[in-house]
N, C-alpha and C. Protein backbone atom coordinates (compact mmCIF):
# COMPACT_ATOMS: atom_id res chain seq x y z
N MET A 1 -24.10 2.35 -5.14
CA MET A 1 -22.86 2.11 -4.92
C MET A 1 -22.43 1.55 -3.32
N GLY A 2 -23.66 1.68 -2.66
CA GLY A 2 -23.01 1.06 -1.04
C GLY A 2 -23.16 -0.70 -0.97
N LEU A 3 -23.85 -1.24 -1.78
CA LEU A 3 -23.87 -2.67 -1.95
C LEU A 3 -22.56 -3.07 -2.79
N TYR A 4 -22.56 -2.15 -3.56
CA TYR A 4 -21.10 -2.68 -4.36
C TYR A 4 -19.92 -2.85 -3.80
N ASN A 5 -20.03 -2.00 -3.39
CA ASN A 5 -18.35 -1.45 -2.18
C ASN A 5 -18.57 -2.41 -1.09
N LYS A 6 -19.76 -2.62 -0.46
CA LYS A 6 -19.64 -3.62 0.54
C LYS A 6 -19.16 -4.65 0.74
N PHE A 7 -20.00 -5.56 -0.78
CA PHE A 7 -20.05 -7.25 -0.95
C PHE A 7 -19.23 -7.52 -2.19
N ILE A 8 -19.13 -6.45 -3.11
CA ILE A 8 -18.80 -6.93 -4.35
C ILE A 8 -17.08 -6.36 -4.68
N LEU A 9 -16.93 -5.03 -4.59
CA LEU A 9 -15.66 -4.52 -4.76
C LEU A 9 -14.22 -5.09 -3.85
N PRO A 10 -14.58 -5.40 -2.57
CA PRO A 10 -13.62 -6.24 -1.51
C PRO A 10 -12.88 -7.68 -2.28
N ARG A 11 -14.10 -8.63 -2.63
CA ARG A 11 -13.15 -9.29 -3.85
C ARG A 11 -12.89 -9.04 -5.11
N ILE A 12 -13.46 -8.19 -6.07
CA ILE A 12 -12.77 -7.75 -7.15
C ILE A 12 -11.37 -7.16 -6.86
N LEU A 13 -11.24 -6.61 -6.18
CA LEU A 13 -9.91 -6.28 -5.50
C LEU A 13 -8.93 -7.14 -5.07
N ASN A 14 -9.02 -7.90 -4.37
CA ASN A 14 -8.54 -9.17 -3.79
C ASN A 14 -8.13 -9.86 -5.05
N CYS A 15 -8.95 -10.16 -6.15
CA CYS A 15 -8.67 -10.96 -6.77
C CYS A 15 -7.61 -10.01 -7.85
N ALA A 16 -7.76 -9.01 -8.19
CA ALA A 16 -7.23 -7.87 -9.06
C ALA A 16 -5.84 -7.79 -8.31
N CYS A 17 -5.63 -7.73 -7.17
CA CYS A 17 -4.09 -7.29 -6.38
C CYS A 17 -3.51 -8.54 -6.51
N SER A 18 -3.77 -9.95 -6.66
CA SER A 18 -3.60 -11.17 -6.10
C SER A 18 -2.54 -11.87 -7.86
N SER A 19 -2.45 -10.86 -9.05
CA SER A 19 -2.01 -10.97 -10.49
C SER A 19 -0.52 -11.72 -9.70
N LYS A 20 -0.33 -12.32 -10.63
CA LYS A 20 1.24 -13.20 -10.71
C LYS A 20 1.71 -11.86 -10.93
N PRO A 21 2.17 -11.07 -11.66
CA PRO A 21 2.97 -9.76 -11.69
C PRO A 21 3.12 -8.81 -10.44
N MET A 22 1.88 -8.82 -9.44
CA MET A 22 1.57 -7.93 -8.44
C MET A 22 2.20 -8.87 -7.32
N VAL A 23 1.80 -10.64 -7.46
CA VAL A 23 2.54 -11.02 -6.15
C VAL A 23 4.16 -11.06 -6.45
N HIS A 24 4.69 -10.87 -7.37
CA HIS A 24 5.68 -10.96 -7.54
C HIS A 24 6.79 -9.78 -6.86
N GLN A 25 6.23 -8.63 -7.29
CA GLN A 25 6.47 -7.35 -6.74
C GLN A 25 6.35 -7.50 -5.25
N ARG A 26 5.19 -8.07 -4.67
CA ARG A 26 4.95 -8.35 -3.16
C ARG A 26 6.59 -9.31 -2.53
N GLN A 27 6.92 -10.09 -3.17
CA GLN A 27 7.75 -10.57 -2.64
C GLN A 27 9.10 -10.38 -2.75
N LYS A 28 9.12 -9.41 -3.58
CA LYS A 28 10.89 -8.23 -3.09
C LYS A 28 10.75 -7.79 -2.21
N VAL A 29 9.45 -6.79 -1.74
CA VAL A 29 9.11 -6.12 -0.77
C VAL A 29 8.86 -6.20 0.78
N VAL A 30 7.85 -6.84 0.30
CA VAL A 30 7.53 -7.56 1.83
C VAL A 30 8.23 -8.36 2.98
N PRO A 31 9.53 -8.88 2.61
CA PRO A 31 10.29 -9.84 3.58
C PRO A 31 11.00 -8.67 4.22
N LEU A 32 11.30 -7.23 3.32
CA LEU A 32 12.45 -6.45 3.94
C LEU A 32 11.88 -5.83 5.04
N ALA A 33 10.25 -6.20 5.65
CA ALA A 33 9.65 -5.40 6.93
C ALA A 33 10.79 -6.17 7.98
N THR A 34 11.03 -5.40 9.09
CA THR A 34 11.42 -5.35 10.45
C THR A 34 11.24 -5.04 11.66
N GLY A 35 10.95 -5.93 12.58
CA GLY A 35 11.02 -4.75 13.99
C GLY A 35 9.48 -5.11 14.09
N GLU A 36 8.92 -3.88 14.51
CA GLU A 36 7.73 -3.40 14.96
C GLU A 36 7.14 -3.14 13.51
N VAL A 37 6.05 -3.66 12.59
CA VAL A 37 5.86 -3.15 11.83
C VAL A 37 4.38 -2.80 11.56
N LEU A 38 3.67 -1.91 10.85
CA LEU A 38 2.76 -1.46 10.45
C LEU A 38 2.42 -1.58 8.95
N GLU A 39 0.83 -2.76 8.37
CA GLU A 39 0.84 -2.21 7.21
C GLU A 39 -0.40 -1.37 7.06
N VAL A 40 0.17 -0.78 6.08
CA VAL A 40 -0.95 0.32 5.93
C VAL A 40 -1.62 0.01 4.73
N GLY A 41 -2.99 0.04 4.96
CA GLY A 41 -3.42 -0.82 3.44
C GLY A 41 -3.68 -2.39 3.38
N ILE A 42 -3.56 -3.29 4.67
CA ILE A 42 -3.51 -4.42 4.43
C ILE A 42 -4.45 -5.14 3.95
N GLY A 43 -5.85 -4.51 3.54
CA GLY A 43 -6.46 -5.04 2.52
C GLY A 43 -6.62 -6.36 3.22
N SER A 44 -6.70 -7.39 1.80
CA SER A 44 -7.68 -8.78 2.59
C SER A 44 -6.35 -9.81 2.87
N GLY A 45 -4.90 -9.21 3.24
CA GLY A 45 -4.02 -10.21 3.57
C GLY A 45 -3.02 -10.39 2.39
N LEU A 46 -2.94 -9.99 1.60
CA LEU A 46 -2.12 -10.48 0.06
C LEU A 46 -1.08 -11.05 0.62
N ASN A 47 0.00 -9.70 1.29
CA ASN A 47 1.19 -9.84 1.71
C ASN A 47 1.55 -10.23 3.11
N LEU A 48 0.69 -11.50 3.62
CA LEU A 48 1.07 -11.78 5.22
C LEU A 48 1.43 -13.32 4.77
N PRO A 49 1.78 -13.90 3.43
CA PRO A 49 2.36 -14.79 3.28
C PRO A 49 3.60 -14.48 3.03
N PHE A 50 4.24 -13.48 2.73
CA PHE A 50 5.30 -13.25 2.35
C PHE A 50 6.42 -12.39 3.78
N TYR A 51 5.87 -12.38 4.88
CA TYR A 51 6.79 -11.88 5.92
C TYR A 51 7.79 -12.77 6.11
N ASP A 52 8.94 -12.37 6.97
CA ASP A 52 9.65 -12.94 7.03
C ASP A 52 9.68 -12.84 8.82
N LYS A 53 8.69 -13.85 9.79
CA LYS A 53 8.27 -13.92 11.09
C LYS A 53 9.98 -13.96 11.65
N SER A 54 10.61 -14.16 11.60
CA SER A 54 12.07 -13.86 12.24
C SER A 54 12.43 -12.35 12.34
N LYS A 55 12.00 -11.63 11.47
CA LYS A 55 12.42 -10.41 11.34
C LYS A 55 11.77 -9.14 12.21
N ILE A 56 10.49 -9.58 12.43
CA ILE A 56 9.70 -9.23 13.02
C ILE A 56 9.07 -9.55 14.33
N THR A 57 9.04 -7.97 15.33
CA THR A 57 8.58 -8.66 16.47
C THR A 57 7.23 -8.23 16.74
N LYS A 58 6.54 -7.12 16.09
CA LYS A 58 5.30 -7.19 15.93
C LYS A 58 4.45 -6.54 14.75
N LEU A 59 3.03 -7.02 14.44
CA LEU A 59 2.68 -6.35 13.34
C LEU A 59 1.32 -5.95 13.55
N TRP A 60 1.00 -4.49 13.24
CA TRP A 60 -0.37 -4.24 12.76
C TRP A 60 -0.72 -3.76 11.29
N GLY A 61 -2.00 -4.19 11.34
CA GLY A 61 -2.54 -4.28 9.98
C GLY A 61 -3.55 -3.30 10.05
N LEU A 62 -3.53 -1.87 9.33
CA LEU A 62 -4.49 -1.11 8.90
C LEU A 62 -5.23 -0.79 7.77
N ASP A 63 -6.55 -0.94 8.27
CA ASP A 63 -7.29 -0.91 6.33
C ASP A 63 -8.40 -0.02 7.27
N PRO A 64 -9.46 0.52 6.48
CA PRO A 64 -10.35 1.22 6.80
C PRO A 64 -11.78 -0.23 6.32
N SER A 65 -11.46 -1.28 5.81
CA SER A 65 -12.85 -1.94 5.30
C SER A 65 -12.69 -2.97 6.54
N GLU A 66 -14.15 -2.74 6.93
CA GLU A 66 -14.70 -4.33 7.39
C GLU A 66 -14.50 -5.20 6.95
N GLU A 67 -14.78 -5.58 5.84
CA GLU A 67 -15.03 -6.74 5.04
C GLU A 67 -14.00 -7.52 4.44
N LEU A 68 -12.63 -6.32 4.12
CA LEU A 68 -11.40 -6.83 4.01
C LEU A 68 -10.43 -7.63 4.87
N HIS A 69 -11.04 -6.82 6.35
CA HIS A 69 -10.77 -7.01 7.51
C HIS A 69 -10.93 -8.68 8.01
N LYS A 70 -12.04 -9.08 7.65
CA LYS A 70 -12.70 -10.54 7.70
C LYS A 70 -11.82 -11.35 6.94
N MET A 71 -10.93 -11.15 5.44
CA MET A 71 -10.44 -11.83 4.80
C MET A 71 -9.61 -12.06 5.74
N ALA A 72 -8.44 -10.73 5.76
CA ALA A 72 -7.17 -10.92 6.22
C ALA A 72 -7.35 -11.63 7.30
N SER A 73 -8.38 -11.92 8.27
CA SER A 73 -8.13 -12.36 9.40
C SER A 73 -8.05 -13.52 9.07
N LYS A 74 -8.38 -14.09 8.48
CA LYS A 74 -8.45 -15.80 7.75
C LYS A 74 -7.25 -16.15 7.16
N VAL A 75 -6.30 -15.18 6.60
CA VAL A 75 -5.04 -15.65 5.99
C VAL A 75 -3.97 -15.20 7.27
N ALA A 76 -4.20 -14.68 8.01
CA ALA A 76 -3.58 -14.49 9.12
C ALA A 76 -3.40 -15.66 10.02
N LEU A 77 -4.74 -16.41 10.04
CA LEU A 77 -4.64 -17.41 10.90
C LEU A 77 -4.36 -18.66 10.02
N GLU A 78 -4.74 -18.73 9.16
CA GLU A 78 -3.69 -19.80 8.06
C GLU A 78 -2.16 -19.75 7.88
N GLU A 79 -1.45 -18.32 8.32
CA GLU A 79 -0.12 -18.34 8.19
C GLU A 79 0.16 -18.57 9.50
N ASP A 80 -0.68 -18.48 10.64
CA ASP A 80 -0.38 -18.49 12.25
C ASP A 80 0.77 -17.66 12.07
N LEU A 81 0.11 -16.40 12.13
CA LEU A 81 0.94 -14.98 11.94
C LEU A 81 -0.16 -13.71 12.79
N GLU A 82 0.65 -12.99 13.84
CA GLU A 82 -0.17 -12.61 14.97
C GLU A 82 -0.42 -11.45 14.60
N VAL A 83 -1.88 -10.49 14.05
CA VAL A 83 -1.83 -9.56 13.63
C VAL A 83 -2.74 -8.49 14.65
N ASP A 84 -2.25 -7.24 14.97
CA ASP A 84 -3.41 -6.35 15.19
C ASP A 84 -4.03 -5.49 14.41
N PHE A 85 -5.24 -6.44 14.50
CA PHE A 85 -5.85 -4.98 13.14
C PHE A 85 -6.17 -4.15 13.57
N ILE A 86 -6.66 -2.78 12.74
CA ILE A 86 -6.83 -1.47 13.02
C ILE A 86 -7.96 -1.00 11.88
N ILE A 87 -9.27 -0.77 12.37
CA ILE A 87 -9.83 -0.59 11.64
C ILE A 87 -10.26 0.94 10.91
N SER A 88 -9.14 1.84 10.29
CA SER A 88 -9.04 2.98 10.36
C SER A 88 -8.39 3.58 9.02
N GLY A 89 -8.91 4.46 8.84
CA GLY A 89 -8.43 5.27 8.00
C GLY A 89 -6.86 5.18 7.90
N ALA A 90 -5.78 5.71 6.98
CA ALA A 90 -4.66 5.92 7.36
C ALA A 90 -4.56 7.65 7.62
N GLU A 91 -5.24 8.54 7.34
CA GLU A 91 -5.39 9.62 7.63
C GLU A 91 -4.96 10.14 9.29
N GLU A 92 -5.36 9.04 9.82
CA GLU A 92 -5.37 9.34 11.28
C GLU A 92 -4.98 8.07 11.88
N ILE A 93 -3.93 7.61 12.47
CA ILE A 93 -3.66 6.11 12.94
C ILE A 93 -3.30 6.44 14.28
N PRO A 94 -3.94 5.19 14.87
CA PRO A 94 -4.80 5.70 16.16
C PRO A 94 -3.15 4.75 17.02
N LEU A 95 -1.93 5.17 16.59
CA LEU A 95 -0.94 4.74 17.25
C LEU A 95 -0.21 5.85 18.00
N PRO A 96 0.87 5.86 19.13
CA PRO A 96 1.29 6.89 19.60
C PRO A 96 2.63 7.51 18.36
N ASP A 97 3.14 8.28 18.87
CA ASP A 97 4.47 8.76 18.01
C ASP A 97 5.75 8.01 18.32
N ASN A 98 6.18 7.75 17.17
CA ASN A 98 7.47 7.12 17.19
C ASN A 98 8.03 5.96 17.66
N CYS A 99 6.65 4.82 17.35
CA CYS A 99 6.46 3.42 17.90
C CYS A 99 6.65 2.35 17.20
N VAL A 100 6.96 2.40 15.84
CA VAL A 100 7.29 1.55 14.78
C VAL A 100 8.29 1.40 13.67
N ASP A 101 8.96 0.64 13.25
CA ASP A 101 10.18 0.36 12.78
C ASP A 101 10.17 0.31 11.30
N THR A 102 8.58 -0.16 10.65
CA THR A 102 8.70 -0.27 9.37
C THR A 102 7.58 0.02 9.26
N VAL A 103 7.07 0.80 8.23
CA VAL A 103 5.93 0.94 7.44
C VAL A 103 5.69 -0.13 6.50
N LEU A 104 4.62 -0.98 6.13
CA LEU A 104 4.77 -0.82 4.72
C LEU A 104 3.42 -0.81 4.18
N LEU A 105 3.84 -0.31 2.47
CA LEU A 105 2.76 0.08 1.64
C LEU A 105 2.57 -0.73 0.44
N THR A 106 1.72 -1.26 0.05
CA THR A 106 1.82 -1.92 -0.90
C THR A 106 0.45 -1.82 -2.15
N TYR A 107 0.17 -0.49 -3.08
CA TYR A 107 -0.73 -0.46 -4.01
C TYR A 107 -1.74 -0.18 -2.92
N THR A 108 -1.47 0.76 -2.48
CA THR A 108 -2.09 1.88 -1.19
C THR A 108 -2.52 3.04 -1.38
N MET A 109 -1.39 3.75 -1.87
CA MET A 109 -1.20 5.36 -2.21
C MET A 109 -1.94 5.73 -3.32
N CYS A 110 -2.15 5.04 -4.00
CA CYS A 110 -3.64 5.28 -5.12
C CYS A 110 -4.79 5.23 -4.85
N THR A 111 -5.08 5.51 -3.46
CA THR A 111 -6.42 4.77 -3.38
C THR A 111 -6.51 5.80 -1.81
N ILE A 112 -5.66 5.91 -0.85
CA ILE A 112 -5.95 7.08 0.39
C ILE A 112 -6.73 8.48 -0.12
N PRO A 113 -7.56 8.78 0.15
CA PRO A 113 -8.13 9.97 -0.12
C PRO A 113 -7.54 11.53 -0.07
N GLU A 114 -6.61 11.27 1.40
CA GLU A 114 -5.62 12.45 1.62
C GLU A 114 -4.21 11.78 1.89
N VAL A 115 -3.22 11.21 0.72
CA VAL A 115 -2.51 10.45 1.07
C VAL A 115 -1.23 11.32 1.40
N LYS A 116 -1.55 12.99 1.27
CA LYS A 116 -0.40 13.52 1.63
C LYS A 116 -0.29 13.50 3.68
N LEU A 117 -1.39 13.78 3.87
CA LEU A 117 -1.57 13.70 4.82
C LEU A 117 -1.34 12.42 5.91
N ALA A 118 -2.07 11.42 4.93
CA ALA A 118 -1.60 10.18 5.56
C ALA A 118 -0.20 9.88 5.24
N ASN A 119 0.98 9.80 4.56
CA ASN A 119 1.98 10.27 4.48
C ASN A 119 2.83 10.85 6.03
N GLU A 120 2.17 11.87 6.15
CA GLU A 120 2.81 12.69 7.41
C GLU A 120 2.36 11.90 8.72
N GLU A 121 0.93 11.40 8.39
CA GLU A 121 1.05 10.33 10.08
C GLU A 121 1.88 9.36 9.67
N ILE A 122 2.02 8.62 8.48
CA ILE A 122 3.25 7.74 8.76
C ILE A 122 4.56 8.06 9.30
N LYS A 123 4.43 9.03 8.78
CA LYS A 123 6.09 9.86 9.43
C LYS A 123 6.02 10.02 11.02
N ARG A 124 4.99 10.36 11.80
CA ARG A 124 4.82 10.62 12.82
C ARG A 124 4.82 9.32 13.65
N VAL A 125 4.08 7.95 13.12
CA VAL A 125 4.51 6.89 13.89
C VAL A 125 5.66 6.40 14.15
N LEU A 126 6.33 6.59 12.77
CA LEU A 126 8.08 5.98 12.21
C LEU A 126 9.11 6.64 13.46
N ARG A 127 9.70 5.50 13.92
CA ARG A 127 10.61 6.31 14.59
C ARG A 127 11.95 7.09 13.86
N SER A 128 12.84 7.63 13.82
CA SER A 128 14.07 8.75 13.60
C SER A 128 14.62 7.61 12.56
N ASP A 129 14.78 6.40 12.81
CA ASP A 129 15.60 5.75 11.90
C ASP A 129 14.98 4.56 11.13
N GLY A 130 13.50 4.55 11.34
CA GLY A 130 12.80 3.66 10.66
C GLY A 130 12.73 4.11 9.33
N ARG A 131 12.09 3.02 8.28
CA ARG A 131 11.67 3.41 7.14
C ARG A 131 10.24 3.13 6.70
N MET A 132 9.69 3.72 5.35
CA MET A 132 8.76 3.24 4.68
C MET A 132 9.24 2.36 3.79
N ILE A 133 8.47 1.28 3.54
CA ILE A 133 8.58 0.43 2.23
C ILE A 133 7.58 0.37 1.54
N PHE A 134 7.73 0.52 -0.05
CA PHE A 134 6.48 0.72 -0.80
C PHE A 134 6.51 0.33 -1.80
N CYS A 135 5.62 -0.06 -2.77
CA CYS A 135 5.29 -0.61 -3.84
C CYS A 135 3.97 0.00 -4.24
N GLU A 136 4.28 0.56 -5.08
CA GLU A 136 2.96 1.18 -5.73
C GLU A 136 2.76 1.67 -7.21
N HIS A 137 1.47 1.43 -8.02
CA HIS A 137 1.49 1.67 -9.43
C HIS A 137 1.30 3.13 -8.98
N GLY A 138 1.51 4.25 -10.40
CA GLY A 138 1.30 5.35 -10.46
C GLY A 138 1.58 6.17 -11.74
N GLU A 139 1.77 7.31 -11.76
CA GLU A 139 1.96 8.18 -12.92
C GLU A 139 3.10 7.45 -13.97
N SER A 140 2.76 7.52 -14.93
CA SER A 140 3.74 7.05 -16.27
C SER A 140 4.65 7.78 -16.95
N PRO A 141 5.86 7.51 -16.86
CA PRO A 141 6.57 8.76 -17.18
C PRO A 141 6.59 9.15 -19.05
N ASP A 142 5.64 8.01 -19.60
CA ASP A 142 5.53 8.28 -21.16
C ASP A 142 4.03 8.98 -21.34
N SER A 143 4.68 10.42 -21.82
CA SER A 143 3.24 11.03 -22.22
C SER A 143 2.32 10.25 -22.68
N ASN A 144 2.35 9.28 -23.80
CA ASN A 144 1.13 9.16 -24.28
C ASN A 144 0.14 7.81 -23.30
N VAL A 145 0.95 7.31 -22.85
CA VAL A 145 0.60 6.19 -21.32
C VAL A 145 0.17 7.59 -20.44
N LEU A 146 0.46 8.33 -20.07
CA LEU A 146 -0.24 9.69 -19.08
C LEU A 146 -1.70 10.09 -19.50
N LYS A 147 -1.30 10.43 -20.91
CA LYS A 147 -2.78 10.96 -21.63
C LYS A 147 -3.81 9.97 -21.30
N TRP A 148 -3.33 8.32 -21.47
CA TRP A 148 -4.95 7.65 -21.46
C TRP A 148 -5.26 7.23 -19.73
N GLN A 149 -3.91 7.64 -19.08
CA GLN A 149 -4.45 7.55 -17.82
C GLN A 149 -5.11 8.39 -17.12
N LYS A 150 -5.23 9.50 -17.19
CA LYS A 150 -5.92 11.09 -17.15
C LYS A 150 -7.15 10.72 -17.84
N ARG A 151 -7.23 9.77 -18.82
CA ARG A 151 -8.29 9.66 -19.58
C ARG A 151 -9.23 9.19 -18.93
N ILE A 152 -8.66 7.68 -18.60
CA ILE A 152 -9.82 6.71 -18.17
C ILE A 152 -9.86 6.83 -16.57
N ASN A 153 -8.98 7.53 -15.63
CA ASN A 153 -9.25 7.60 -14.68
C ASN A 153 -9.93 8.45 -13.66
N PRO A 154 -10.89 9.33 -14.18
CA PRO A 154 -12.04 9.62 -13.90
C PRO A 154 -13.33 8.49 -13.60
N LEU A 155 -13.43 7.12 -14.61
CA LEU A 155 -14.50 6.03 -14.23
C LEU A 155 -13.51 5.33 -13.66
N TRP A 156 -12.61 5.01 -13.69
CA TRP A 156 -11.79 4.28 -13.10
C TRP A 156 -11.93 4.21 -11.16
N LYS A 157 -12.06 5.40 -11.07
CA LYS A 157 -11.74 5.70 -9.48
C LYS A 157 -13.18 4.91 -9.12
N LYS A 158 -14.10 5.24 -9.82
CA LYS A 158 -15.67 5.02 -9.69
C LYS A 158 -16.21 3.72 -9.57
N ILE A 159 -15.26 2.91 -10.21
CA ILE A 159 -14.95 1.47 -10.16
C ILE A 159 -14.52 0.38 -9.28
N ALA A 160 -13.47 0.99 -9.39
CA ALA A 160 -12.07 0.66 -8.61
C ALA A 160 -12.13 1.53 -6.67
N GLY A 161 -12.66 1.77 -6.01
CA GLY A 161 -12.61 2.05 -4.56
C GLY A 161 -12.29 3.14 -4.76
N GLY A 162 -11.63 3.91 -5.90
CA GLY A 162 -11.18 5.24 -5.26
C GLY A 162 -9.45 5.51 -5.89
N CYS A 163 -9.38 4.12 -6.10
CA CYS A 163 -7.47 4.34 -6.79
C CYS A 163 -7.69 4.99 -8.06
N ASN A 164 -6.53 5.65 -8.03
CA ASN A 164 -5.98 6.72 -8.95
C ASN A 164 -4.79 6.10 -9.92
N LEU A 165 -4.94 6.16 -10.97
CA LEU A 165 -3.73 5.92 -12.22
C LEU A 165 -2.97 6.63 -11.83
N ASP A 166 -2.92 7.83 -12.28
CA ASP A 166 -2.16 8.94 -12.14
C ASP A 166 -1.31 9.56 -11.36
N ARG A 167 -1.19 8.99 -10.04
CA ARG A 167 -0.50 9.93 -8.70
C ARG A 167 0.93 9.45 -9.10
N ASN A 168 1.72 10.66 -8.77
CA ASN A 168 3.33 10.76 -8.84
C ASN A 168 3.35 10.43 -7.31
N ILE A 169 4.10 9.37 -7.52
CA ILE A 169 4.43 8.45 -6.13
C ILE A 169 5.90 8.93 -5.36
N PRO A 170 6.70 9.38 -5.78
CA PRO A 170 8.12 9.73 -6.05
C PRO A 170 7.81 11.07 -5.14
N GLU A 171 6.94 11.98 -5.83
CA GLU A 171 6.24 13.35 -5.67
C GLU A 171 5.67 13.70 -4.28
N ILE A 172 4.77 12.66 -3.85
CA ILE A 172 4.04 12.44 -3.10
C ILE A 172 4.78 11.78 -1.77
N ILE A 173 5.63 10.92 -1.79
CA ILE A 173 6.56 10.47 -0.61
C ILE A 173 7.76 11.80 0.15
N GLU A 174 8.27 12.49 -0.92
CA GLU A 174 9.38 13.16 -0.66
C GLU A 174 8.24 14.61 0.05
N SER A 175 7.29 14.77 -0.27
CA SER A 175 6.73 16.13 -0.23
C SER A 175 5.88 16.01 1.33
N SER A 176 6.09 14.53 1.62
CA SER A 176 5.47 14.59 3.31
C SER A 176 6.19 14.61 3.81
N GLY A 177 7.73 14.31 3.73
CA GLY A 177 8.92 14.95 4.38
C GLY A 177 9.81 13.83 4.48
N PHE A 178 9.95 12.83 3.59
CA PHE A 178 10.50 11.47 3.45
C PHE A 178 11.49 11.79 2.69
N ASN A 179 12.86 11.51 2.87
CA ASN A 179 13.94 11.18 1.51
C ASN A 179 14.02 9.74 1.26
N ILE A 180 13.38 9.65 -0.38
CA ILE A 180 13.17 8.36 -1.05
C ILE A 180 15.18 7.76 -1.05
N GLU A 181 15.59 6.67 -0.32
CA GLU A 181 16.64 6.45 -0.73
C GLU A 181 16.87 5.20 -1.86
N GLU A 182 16.35 4.28 -1.87
CA GLU A 182 15.89 3.18 -2.93
C GLU A 182 15.04 3.71 -3.96
N ILE A 183 14.90 3.69 -4.82
CA ILE A 183 13.72 3.20 -5.76
C ILE A 183 13.77 3.10 -7.10
N ASP A 184 12.79 1.86 -7.50
CA ASP A 184 12.78 0.87 -8.65
C ASP A 184 12.13 1.08 -9.31
N THR A 185 11.98 1.28 -11.03
CA THR A 185 10.41 1.64 -11.87
C THR A 185 10.44 0.65 -12.78
N MET A 186 9.04 0.03 -13.31
CA MET A 186 9.35 -0.47 -14.40
C MET A 186 7.39 -0.58 -14.87
N TYR A 187 7.23 -1.75 -15.82
CA TYR A 187 6.21 -1.41 -16.43
C TYR A 187 5.78 -2.86 -16.02
N LEU A 188 4.31 -3.50 -15.39
CA LEU A 188 4.31 -4.79 -14.52
C LEU A 188 4.59 -5.58 -16.07
N PRO A 189 4.45 -6.82 -16.64
CA PRO A 189 4.45 -7.47 -17.54
C PRO A 189 2.97 -7.92 -17.73
N GLY A 190 2.39 -8.07 -18.52
CA GLY A 190 1.47 -8.70 -18.61
C GLY A 190 -0.01 -8.05 -18.08
N THR A 191 0.87 -6.27 -17.86
CA THR A 191 -1.04 -5.70 -17.07
C THR A 191 -0.88 -4.41 -18.17
N PRO A 192 -1.82 -3.75 -18.85
CA PRO A 192 -1.84 -2.59 -19.46
C PRO A 192 -1.27 -1.84 -18.92
N GLN A 193 -0.65 -0.77 -19.33
CA GLN A 193 0.71 0.08 -19.18
C GLN A 193 0.08 1.13 -18.70
N TRP A 194 -1.32 1.69 -18.68
CA TRP A 194 -2.14 2.80 -17.93
C TRP A 194 -2.59 1.93 -16.89
N ALA A 195 -2.02 1.25 -15.99
CA ALA A 195 -2.55 0.72 -14.69
C ALA A 195 -1.11 -0.02 -14.40
N GLY A 196 -0.07 -0.44 -15.08
CA GLY A 196 0.73 -1.21 -14.71
C GLY A 196 2.48 -0.48 -14.37
N TYR A 197 2.48 1.26 -14.25
CA TYR A 197 3.39 1.59 -14.23
C TYR A 197 3.99 1.36 -12.53
N ASN A 198 4.96 0.62 -12.26
CA ASN A 198 5.04 0.47 -10.77
C ASN A 198 6.49 1.06 -10.34
N TYR A 199 6.27 1.75 -9.18
CA TYR A 199 7.69 2.25 -8.14
C TYR A 199 7.66 1.42 -7.32
N TRP A 200 8.99 1.02 -6.66
CA TRP A 200 9.21 0.07 -5.33
C TRP A 200 10.24 0.84 -4.84
N GLY A 201 10.60 0.61 -3.52
CA GLY A 201 11.77 1.33 -3.07
C GLY A 201 11.86 1.20 -1.52
N PHE A 202 12.17 2.71 -0.40
CA PHE A 202 12.50 2.63 0.49
C PHE A 202 12.49 4.08 0.78
N ALA A 203 12.10 4.40 1.40
CA ALA A 203 12.41 6.15 2.04
C ALA A 203 12.81 6.27 3.58
N ARG A 204 13.42 7.03 4.12
CA ARG A 204 12.84 7.51 5.52
C ARG A 204 12.97 8.96 6.08
N PRO A 205 12.39 8.92 6.86
CA PRO A 205 12.02 10.38 7.26
C PRO A 205 12.79 11.35 7.27
N ASN A 206 12.63 12.61 6.96
CA ASN A 206 13.57 13.55 7.24
C ASN A 206 13.83 14.08 8.54
N SER A 207 15.29 14.30 8.91
CA SER A 207 15.82 14.60 10.65
C SER A 207 14.83 16.02 10.64
């Protein structure tokens, strides 16, 4: 799996995560980022074209993959966007407390191994009036779809870089010390329901 994870998986993820329905979701949430921004799980840089540069004073991009970092660096150059890249997992973010206005996550909480710990780290680096903007896929509210998610998930995790189909995103966010202030949900069109139930919105740290 070493060669697969290093050379093949990054390109598969880049292709899969750039589908038209997912791009449409990114266009909804990415321009909402303001101030000093940390993108957790920047991956190959698929969000970079959608930032509103006039609203951003600084942008960090965090991801543990060196291969995806190289891909994202090229996109940043094409978009004339200055990004401070951090090669690290989200469970231990190498930034000081209370230094970020916005944290953006798109299709990231599904894959982080210790996602609750990562969200607690996100809360640590966020300013008290900052917000977490998220767009994620996860657990379906429909019992039949959820049944298939749980059946497929063990194999899916192996071939999709640790991605989980059935994480309860709102529960994860709220149990990590956030209040969800706005959330929308739907099945992505043109996507299998077991992989396409989306949550998006924003949350703020509990006081």
